[in-house]
């Protein structure tokens, strides 16, 4: 299975945190998760070119899914 080149940050946050009341809450939870794990944060920092972008690249998405122990197939089903 092949990922799209990019995925919107909001779309990913909603998929990872479906219990969130809205998009902003889901984004806050994702940011908090990234901030609380120094190893996870460092991996993303090394891959991130544009910190203000509204999307994650393929490589960033792979790191995020690895952190959450989600396979590509499981991600497509979310």
Protein backbone atom coordinates (compact mmCIF):
# COMPACT_ATOMS: atom_id res chain seq x y z
CA UNK A 1 0.00 0.00 0.00
CA UNK A 2 1.36 3.43 -0.93
CA UNK A 3 0.72 6.64 0.98
CA UNK A 4 -0.34 9.84 -0.68
CA UNK A 5 2.50 12.37 -0.87
CA UNK A 6 0.96 14.51 1.85
CA UNK A 7 -1.83 14.33 4.41
CA UNK A 8 -3.50 17.32 6.03
CA UNK A 9 -2.56 17.68 9.69
CA UNK A 10 -6.21 18.14 10.67
CA UNK A 11 -7.28 14.99 8.82
CA UNK A 12 -4.58 12.97 10.56
CA UNK A 13 -5.44 14.38 13.99
CA UNK A 14 -9.12 13.48 13.57
CA UNK A 15 -8.17 9.93 12.53
CA UNK A 16 -5.80 9.49 15.48
CA UNK A 17 -8.17 11.05 18.03
CA UNK A 18 -11.73 10.24 16.88
CA UNK A 19 -13.07 10.78 20.42
CA UNK A 20 -12.13 14.49 20.26
CA UNK A 21 -15.00 16.94 20.31
CA UNK A 22 -13.65 18.96 17.37
CA UNK A 23 -10.64 19.46 15.07
CA UNK A 24 -8.93 21.94 17.40
CA UNK A 25 -9.06 19.52 20.32
CA UNK A 26 -7.64 16.73 18.15
CA UNK A 27 -4.82 19.00 16.94
CA UNK A 28 -4.00 19.97 20.53
CA UNK A 29 -3.78 16.31 21.52
CA UNK A 30 -1.46 15.55 18.60
CA UNK A 31 0.77 18.54 19.39
CA UNK A 32 0.87 17.50 23.05
CA UNK A 33 1.86 13.93 22.12
CA UNK A 34 4.68 15.23 19.92
CA UNK A 35 5.88 17.64 22.60
CA UNK A 36 5.85 15.05 25.41
CA UNK A 37 8.05 12.55 23.57
CA UNK A 38 11.54 13.98 22.92
CA UNK A 39 12.52 11.08 20.62
CA UNK A 40 9.34 11.45 18.57
CA UNK A 41 9.78 15.23 18.44
CA UNK A 42 13.42 14.92 17.29
CA UNK A 43 12.52 12.49 14.50
CA UNK A 44 9.88 14.87 13.18
CA UNK A 45 12.19 17.90 13.52
CA UNK A 46 14.78 16.20 11.32
CA UNK A 47 12.20 15.61 8.57
CA UNK A 48 10.23 18.86 8.75
CA UNK A 49 11.13 21.48 6.16
CA UNK A 50 8.24 23.87 6.60
CA UNK A 51 6.98 23.99 10.18
CA UNK A 52 4.05 26.21 9.21
CA UNK A 53 2.72 23.84 6.55
CA UNK A 54 -0.81 22.50 6.95
CA UNK A 55 0.21 19.00 5.94
CA UNK A 56 2.60 16.17 6.85
CA UNK A 57 4.85 14.67 4.20
CA UNK A 58 5.05 10.96 3.47
CA UNK A 59 8.16 10.55 5.65
CA UNK A 60 6.66 12.51 8.55
CA UNK A 61 3.52 10.40 8.33
CA UNK A 62 5.58 7.22 8.52
CA UNK A 63 7.28 8.45 11.73
CA UNK A 64 3.94 9.42 13.27
CA UNK A 65 2.30 6.10 12.46
CA UNK A 66 5.35 4.23 13.78
CA UNK A 67 5.06 6.18 17.05
CA UNK A 68 1.38 5.26 17.38
CA UNK A 69 2.05 1.63 16.29
CA UNK A 70 -0.31 1.92 13.32
CA UNK A 71 0.42 0.10 10.07
CA UNK A 72 -0.23 1.60 6.64
CA UNK A 73 -3.17 -0.74 6.17
CA UNK A 74 -4.70 0.23 9.52
CA UNK A 75 -4.26 3.91 8.68
CA UNK A 76 -6.18 3.51 5.43
CA UNK A 77 -9.05 1.93 7.37
CA UNK A 78 -9.27 4.75 9.91
